[in-house]
Amino acid sequence: MPPVIEVLGEVVVDLVEQSPGVFRAYPGGSPLNVAVGLGRLGRRTALRARIGADAFGPMFRRHLAGSGVDGRGLVAASQPSTLAVASLDAAGVASYDFWLQGAADWQWTPAELAAPLGTDVRALHTGSLALEVEPGASLIVDLLRRERDRGQVTISYDPNVRLARGGDTAAGRARVEAVVRLAHLVKASDDDLAWLYPGDGPREVARRWLELGPGLVVVTLGAAGAYAATAGGVTQHRPARPVTVVDTVGAGDAFTAGLLDGLAAAGALGSGGHTALAGLDAAPLARLLDRAGLVAALTCARAGADPPTLAELPPDGRRPDRTH
């Protein structure tokens, strides 16, 4: 059987305004979106998340199953689901207000995260609110530390600092850097970097993070494309794929899914993943960024976090994959 990418984190009810005062509920949350994106690309994927005990729980389970995501890591929780109200500006860029208090996503127990990952797992991806909200955040960091020490999986991290922006920048930066030290792959947006490191450009931040331990750092630049740097000294910048934007909901998560899927196809995940990531050459790195950018662009071309399937990608965006 092909290896698995496991995603760990929150599932969030996105309440998106359809017309003044009328909202529609969609399954969302950055980790869920990444898992769905990977599943739709045909990658064996499992999501480890806590599913709330309310009317939204079945919605999440149906959405994941319909996208081919393995639900073996889903925990039936007694708490309610997290809510996020999404507002879109004139360019379709989303901003969110969150209802988090007492929600299921953050109530991880030590027992729920005690076991090491399965022997079929080659990568663990996490980030966003799951690494910001206690008590679960500290338990997830403990799991990342154990898995980094075990050395069998590639750890992927997307800071996506949604809540930290309301607090102290130095504290938020220290929290992010503590996880960067545990990761082999870090993908972040230039918007998050601008808050974490005011006055520093993406290239400067990427170099700083590489010194902390990752093999590959990727920064998405919105309409300007994406930039990547490896611990081996290779850098690459690729333009964005032209697209008519409906909205940007889930675009960064779709990019992450495309990136992880491409790295899996290249055999760059797993016990030797750090060496493989650090050793990427310019040409394959450009192909990885182009494909991830394509997946993100197709997501921007339709409403909501609705990433494409592998069949929807044009031929130049499909991967030669030895495992399928």
Protein backbone atom coordinates (compact mmCIF):
# COMPACT_ATOMS: atom_id res chain seq x y z
CA MET A 1 0.00 0.00 0.00
CA PRO A 2 1.20 3.56 -0.67
CA PRO A 3 2.42 5.49 2.38
CA VAL A 4 0.21 7.93 4.29
CA ILE A 5 0.46 11.65 5.00
CA GLU A 6 -1.18 12.41 8.34
CA VAL A 7 -2.60 15.86 9.11
CA LEU A 8 -3.22 16.99 12.68
CA GLY A 9 -5.34 19.93 13.76
CA GLU A 10 -8.71 21.63 13.85
CA VAL A 11 -11.93 21.27 11.92
CA VAL A 12 -13.86 24.55 11.80
CA VAL A 13 -17.35 25.52 10.72
CA ASP A 14 -16.88 28.38 8.23
CA LEU A 15 -19.97 30.60 8.27
CA VAL A 16 -19.74 32.53 5.00
CA GLU A 17 -22.11 35.41 4.28
CA GLN A 18 -24.11 34.71 1.13
CA SER A 19 -26.18 37.91 1.23
CA PRO A 20 -26.69 40.55 3.92
CA GLY A 21 -27.50 38.68 7.13
CA VAL A 22 -27.62 35.25 5.46
CA PHE A 23 -24.80 32.80 6.19
CA ARG A 24 -24.03 29.30 4.94
CA ALA A 25 -22.01 26.72 6.88
CA TYR A 26 -19.05 25.05 5.16
CA PRO A 27 -16.55 22.53 6.56
CA GLY A 28 -13.22 24.31 7.01
CA GLY A 29 -10.14 24.81 9.12
CA SER A 30 -6.62 24.82 7.70
CA PRO A 31 -5.67 21.23 8.65
CA LEU A 32 -8.97 19.85 7.35
CA ASN A 33 -8.50 21.77 4.10
CA VAL A 34 -4.97 20.37 3.65
CA ALA A 35 -6.18 16.81 4.27
CA VAL A 36 -9.05 17.24 1.80
CA GLY A 37 -6.68 18.71 -0.78
CA LEU A 38 -4.33 15.75 -0.45
CA GLY A 39 -7.17 13.25 -0.61
CA ARG A 40 -8.56 14.80 -3.78
CA LEU A 41 -5.12 14.59 -5.38
CA GLY A 42 -5.21 10.84 -4.80
CA ARG A 43 -2.74 10.81 -1.92
CA ARG A 44 -3.40 8.42 0.98
CA THR A 45 -4.22 10.83 3.78
CA ALA A 46 -5.46 10.58 7.36
CA LEU A 47 -6.75 13.43 9.51
CA ARG A 48 -6.25 13.38 13.29
CA ALA A 49 -8.84 15.77 14.72
CA ARG A 50 -11.49 16.05 17.42
CA ILE A 51 -15.02 16.10 15.97
CA GLY A 52 -17.58 18.05 18.00
CA ALA A 53 -20.78 16.59 19.41
CA ASP A 54 -23.22 18.79 17.51
CA ALA A 55 -25.06 18.98 14.20
CA PHE A 56 -21.82 19.91 12.38
CA GLY A 57 -19.96 16.70 13.26
CA PRO A 58 -21.62 14.58 10.54
CA MET A 59 -20.92 17.38 8.02
CA PHE A 60 -17.19 17.10 8.70
CA ARG A 61 -17.21 13.31 8.47
CA ARG A 62 -19.10 13.33 5.15
CA HIS A 63 -16.79 15.95 3.70
CA LEU A 64 -13.67 14.00 4.64
CA ALA A 65 -15.00 10.64 3.45
CA GLY A 66 -16.15 12.19 0.17
CA SER A 67 -12.62 13.43 -0.48
CA GLY A 68 -10.98 10.10 0.28
CA VAL A 69 -9.53 11.08 3.67
CA ASP A 70 -9.04 8.25 6.17
CA GLY A 71 -10.94 8.94 9.39
CA ARG A 72 -8.93 6.58 11.59
CA GLY A 73 -7.55 9.49 13.63
CA LEU A 74 -10.87 11.22 14.29
CA VAL A 75 -11.86 11.51 17.96
CA ALA A 76 -15.54 11.73 18.89
CA ALA A 77 -15.51 14.64 21.34
CA SER A 78 -18.17 15.79 23.78
CA GLN A 79 -17.54 19.49 23.14
CA PRO A 80 -19.08 21.65 20.37
CA SER A 81 -17.43 22.59 17.08
CA THR A 82 -15.37 25.74 16.52
CA LEU A 83 -17.12 28.47 14.52
CA ALA A 84 -15.53 31.01 12.17
CA VAL A 85 -17.40 33.83 10.47
CA ALA A 86 -15.73 34.58 7.14
CA SER A 87 -15.93 38.02 5.58
CA LEU A 88 -14.79 38.66 2.00
CA ASP A 89 -13.46 41.97 0.73
CA ALA A 90 -13.92 43.29 -2.81
CA ALA A 91 -10.99 41.17 -4.05
CA GLY A 92 -12.39 37.98 -2.53
CA VAL A 93 -9.79 37.90 0.26
CA ALA A 94 -11.20 36.33 3.43
CA SER A 95 -10.85 37.46 7.04
CA TYR A 96 -12.21 35.53 10.02
CA ASP A 97 -13.74 36.02 13.45
CA PHE A 98 -13.56 32.92 15.65
CA TRP A 99 -15.70 31.40 18.41
CA LEU A 100 -13.27 29.11 20.25
CA GLN A 101 -14.21 28.95 23.92
CA GLY A 102 -14.80 25.37 25.06
CA ALA A 103 -14.67 23.95 21.52
CA ALA A 104 -13.67 20.36 20.83
CA ASP A 105 -10.58 21.15 18.74
CA TRP A 106 -8.40 22.33 21.64
CA GLN A 107 -9.28 19.72 24.29
CA TRP A 108 -6.71 17.06 23.39
CA THR A 109 -5.77 14.75 26.24
CA PRO A 110 -2.32 13.17 26.71
CA ALA A 111 -3.83 9.74 26.04
CA GLU A 112 -5.25 10.83 22.68
CA LEU A 113 -1.81 11.89 21.46
CA ALA A 114 0.36 9.37 23.30
CA ALA A 115 0.92 6.76 20.60
CA PRO A 116 3.58 7.21 17.89
CA LEU A 117 2.38 7.56 14.32
CA GLY A 118 1.56 4.44 12.35
CA THR A 119 4.31 2.61 10.50
CA ASP A 120 2.68 3.57 7.17
CA VAL A 121 2.92 7.33 7.89
CA ARG A 122 5.70 9.20 6.06
CA ALA A 123 4.80 12.78 6.98
CA LEU A 124 2.92 14.70 9.65
CA HIS A 125 1.52 18.13 8.80
CA THR A 126 0.09 20.58 11.33
CA GLY A 127 -0.26 24.28 12.05
CA SER A 128 -2.77 27.11 12.31
CA LEU A 129 -5.01 27.39 15.40
CA ALA A 130 -4.05 23.92 16.64
CA LEU A 131 -0.60 25.29 17.55
CA GLU A 132 -2.01 28.43 19.20
CA VAL A 133 -4.88 27.36 21.47
CA GLU A 134 -4.25 25.61 24.77
CA PRO A 135 -4.43 23.09 26.31
CA GLY A 136 -4.10 21.17 23.05
CA ALA A 137 -1.28 23.21 21.53
CA SER A 138 1.35 22.14 24.08
CA LEU A 139 0.37 18.48 23.72
CA ILE A 140 0.73 18.71 19.93
CA VAL A 141 4.19 20.28 20.31
CA ASP A 142 5.13 17.39 22.61
CA LEU A 143 4.05 14.95 19.87
CA LEU A 144 6.09 16.83 17.27
CA ARG A 145 9.13 16.67 19.56
CA ARG A 146 8.74 12.91 20.04
CA GLU A 147 8.31 12.33 16.30
CA ARG A 148 11.31 14.52 15.47
CA ASP A 149 13.41 12.45 17.90
CA ARG A 150 12.02 9.18 16.49
CA GLY A 151 13.14 10.25 13.03
CA GLN A 152 10.71 8.24 10.91
CA VAL A 153 8.48 10.96 9.46
CA THR A 154 8.84 14.36 7.83
CA ILE A 155 7.30 17.08 9.99
CA SER A 156 5.55 19.83 8.03
CA TYR A 157 4.43 23.09 9.65
CA ASP A 158 2.29 26.01 8.50
CA PRO A 159 2.30 28.76 11.17
CA ASN A 160 -0.83 30.53 9.83
CA VAL A 161 -0.82 32.78 12.92
CA ARG A 162 -4.47 33.78 13.12
CA LEU A 163 -4.84 34.49 16.83
CA ALA A 164 -1.31 35.62 17.64
CA ARG A 165 -1.91 38.84 15.71
CA GLY A 166 -4.05 40.09 18.56
CA GLY A 167 -1.20 39.69 21.05
CA ASP A 168 2.47 40.43 21.51
CA THR A 169 4.60 40.01 18.38
CA ALA A 170 7.70 38.83 20.26
CA ALA A 171 5.72 36.13 22.10
CA GLY A 172 4.09 34.98 18.87
CA ARG A 173 7.46 34.87 17.12
CA ALA A 174 9.01 32.80 19.94
CA ARG A 175 6.14 30.32 19.82
CA VAL A 176 6.44 29.91 16.06
CA GLU A 177 10.22 29.53 16.13
CA ALA A 178 9.95 26.80 18.79
CA VAL A 179 7.93 24.72 16.31
CA VAL A 180 10.11 25.69 13.33
CA ARG A 181 13.00 24.03 15.20
CA LEU A 182 11.06 20.75 15.18
CA ALA A 183 9.99 20.90 11.52
CA HIS A 184 11.68 19.59 8.39
CA LEU A 185 9.40 21.58 6.07
CA VAL A 186 7.89 24.99 6.81
CA LYS A 187 5.41 26.73 4.55
CA ALA A 188 4.20 30.22 5.48
CA SER A 189 2.55 33.22 3.85
CA ASP A 190 4.24 36.55 3.38
CA ASP A 191 1.33 38.09 5.27
CA ASP A 192 2.14 36.04 8.39
CA LEU A 193 5.85 36.79 8.05
CA ALA A 194 5.15 40.51 7.84
CA TRP A 195 3.47 40.34 11.25
CA LEU A 196 6.06 38.03 12.81
CA TYR A 197 9.10 39.92 11.46
CA PRO A 198 8.12 43.50 10.62
CA GLY A 199 10.63 45.06 8.29
CA ASP A 200 12.19 41.76 7.14
CA GLY A 201 11.53 40.30 3.71
CA PRO A 202 10.59 36.66 3.03
CA ARG A 203 14.13 35.79 1.92
CA GLU A 204 15.63 37.04 5.17
CA VAL A 205 13.09 35.12 7.25
CA ALA A 206 13.58 31.95 5.20
CA ARG A 207 17.34 32.10 5.83
CA ARG A 208 16.77 32.64 9.54
CA TRP A 209 14.40 29.68 9.77
CA LEU A 210 16.72 27.37 7.84
CA GLU A 211 19.36 28.03 10.49
CA LEU A 212 16.91 26.68 13.10
CA GLY A 213 16.69 23.24 11.50
CA PRO A 214 14.26 22.76 8.56
CA GLY A 215 15.49 21.40 5.24
CA LEU A 216 13.07 23.47 3.15
CA VAL A 217 11.20 26.74 3.74
CA VAL A 218 8.51 27.91 1.31
CA VAL A 219 6.80 31.31 1.39
CA THR A 220 3.65 32.04 -0.57
CA LEU A 221 3.55 35.60 -1.91
CA GLY A 222 -0.06 35.93 -3.07
CA ALA A 223 -0.26 37.31 -6.60
CA ALA A 224 3.57 37.41 -6.71
CA GLY A 225 3.87 33.61 -6.60
CA ALA A 226 6.05 31.67 -4.20
CA TYR A 227 9.62 31.60 -2.93
CA ALA A 228 11.55 28.60 -1.60
CA ALA A 229 14.95 28.07 -0.02
CA THR A 230 16.69 24.86 1.00
CA ALA A 231 19.25 24.15 3.70
CA GLY A 232 21.57 23.17 0.85
CA GLY A 233 21.63 26.75 -0.42
CA VAL A 234 19.24 26.48 -3.40
CA THR A 235 16.61 29.21 -3.82
CA GLN A 236 13.77 29.53 -6.29
CA HIS A 237 11.04 32.05 -7.03
CA ARG A 238 8.12 31.18 -9.28
CA PRO A 239 5.29 33.42 -10.52
CA ALA A 240 1.66 32.79 -9.68
CA ARG A 241 -0.56 31.02 -12.18
CA PRO A 242 -2.93 33.59 -13.78
CA VAL A 243 -6.50 33.04 -12.62
CA THR A 244 -9.77 34.91 -12.21
CA VAL A 245 -10.18 34.97 -8.45
CA VAL A 246 -13.57 34.17 -6.97
CA ASP A 247 -12.15 34.16 -3.43
CA THR A 248 -8.96 33.11 -1.64
CA VAL A 249 -10.59 30.86 0.97
CA GLY A 250 -8.40 27.77 1.38
CA ALA A 251 -5.86 28.85 -1.23
CA GLY A 252 -2.86 28.56 1.09
CA ASP A 253 -4.02 25.15 2.28
CA ALA A 254 -4.46 23.98 -1.31
CA PHE A 255 -0.88 25.13 -2.01
CA THR A 256 0.33 23.10 0.99
CA ALA A 257 -1.54 20.03 -0.24
CA GLY A 258 -0.03 20.36 -3.71
CA LEU A 259 3.44 20.82 -2.23
CA LEU A 260 3.22 17.80 0.08
CA ASP A 261 1.78 15.64 -2.69
CA GLY A 262 4.61 16.62 -5.03
CA LEU A 263 7.24 15.91 -2.37
CA ALA A 264 5.69 12.51 -1.71
CA ALA A 265 5.80 11.71 -5.42
CA ALA A 266 9.48 12.70 -5.47
CA GLY A 267 10.27 10.34 -2.59
CA ALA A 268 11.28 13.29 -0.41
CA LEU A 269 9.20 12.38 2.66
CA GLY A 270 9.93 9.90 5.44
CA SER A 271 12.95 8.90 7.48
CA GLY A 272 15.37 10.40 4.97
CA GLY A 273 13.16 13.36 4.22
CA HIS A 274 15.29 16.07 5.77
CA THR A 275 18.26 15.15 3.59
CA ALA A 276 16.04 14.95 0.52
CA LEU A 277 14.44 18.35 1.21
CA ALA A 278 17.77 20.02 1.90
CA GLY A 279 19.22 18.52 -1.28
CA LEU A 280 16.54 19.61 -3.75
CA ASP A 281 17.97 21.17 -6.92
CA ALA A 282 16.59 24.28 -8.61
CA ALA A 283 14.69 22.53 -11.41
CA PRO A 284 12.68 20.07 -9.28
CA LEU A 285 12.07 22.82 -6.74
CA ALA A 286 10.61 25.00 -9.51
CA ARG A 287 8.33 22.15 -10.61
CA LEU A 288 7.11 21.65 -7.05
CA LEU A 289 6.28 25.35 -6.66
CA ASP A 290 4.59 25.53 -10.05
CA ARG A 291 2.36 22.55 -9.31
CA ALA A 292 1.46 23.73 -5.82
CA GLY A 293 0.68 27.15 -7.27
CA LEU A 294 -1.57 25.54 -9.88
CA VAL A 295 -3.54 23.68 -7.20
CA ALA A 296 -3.95 26.95 -5.27
CA ALA A 297 -4.99 28.89 -8.40
CA LEU A 298 -7.70 26.38 -9.28
CA THR A 299 -9.01 26.70 -5.72
CA CYS A 300 -9.13 30.51 -6.04
CA ALA A 301 -11.16 30.14 -9.22
CA ARG A 302 -14.16 28.81 -7.33
CA ALA A 303 -15.99 29.68 -4.15
CA GLY A 304 -14.80 28.45 -0.77
CA ALA A 305 -12.16 25.92 0.21
CA ASP A 306 -12.86 23.61 -2.72
CA PRO A 307 -9.52 22.22 -3.96
CA PRO A 308 -9.31 20.35 -7.27
CA THR A 309 -9.12 16.63 -7.83
CA LEU A 310 -6.20 15.10 -9.68
CA ALA A 311 -8.41 14.64 -12.74
CA GLU A 312 -9.19 18.37 -12.81
CA LEU A 313 -5.53 19.34 -13.15
CA PRO A 314 -4.31 19.95 -16.71
CA PRO A 315 -1.82 17.38 -18.01
CA ASP A 316 1.17 19.57 -17.17
CA GLY A 317 0.03 19.67 -13.55
CA ARG A 318 -0.35 15.93 -13.02
CA ARG A 319 2.44 14.10 -11.37
CA PRO A 320 4.44 11.08 -12.51
CA ASP A 321 4.00 9.03 -9.35
CA ARG A 322 5.68 5.72 -8.74
CA THR A 323 3.32 4.89 -5.86
CA HIS A 324 0.03 4.98 -7.80
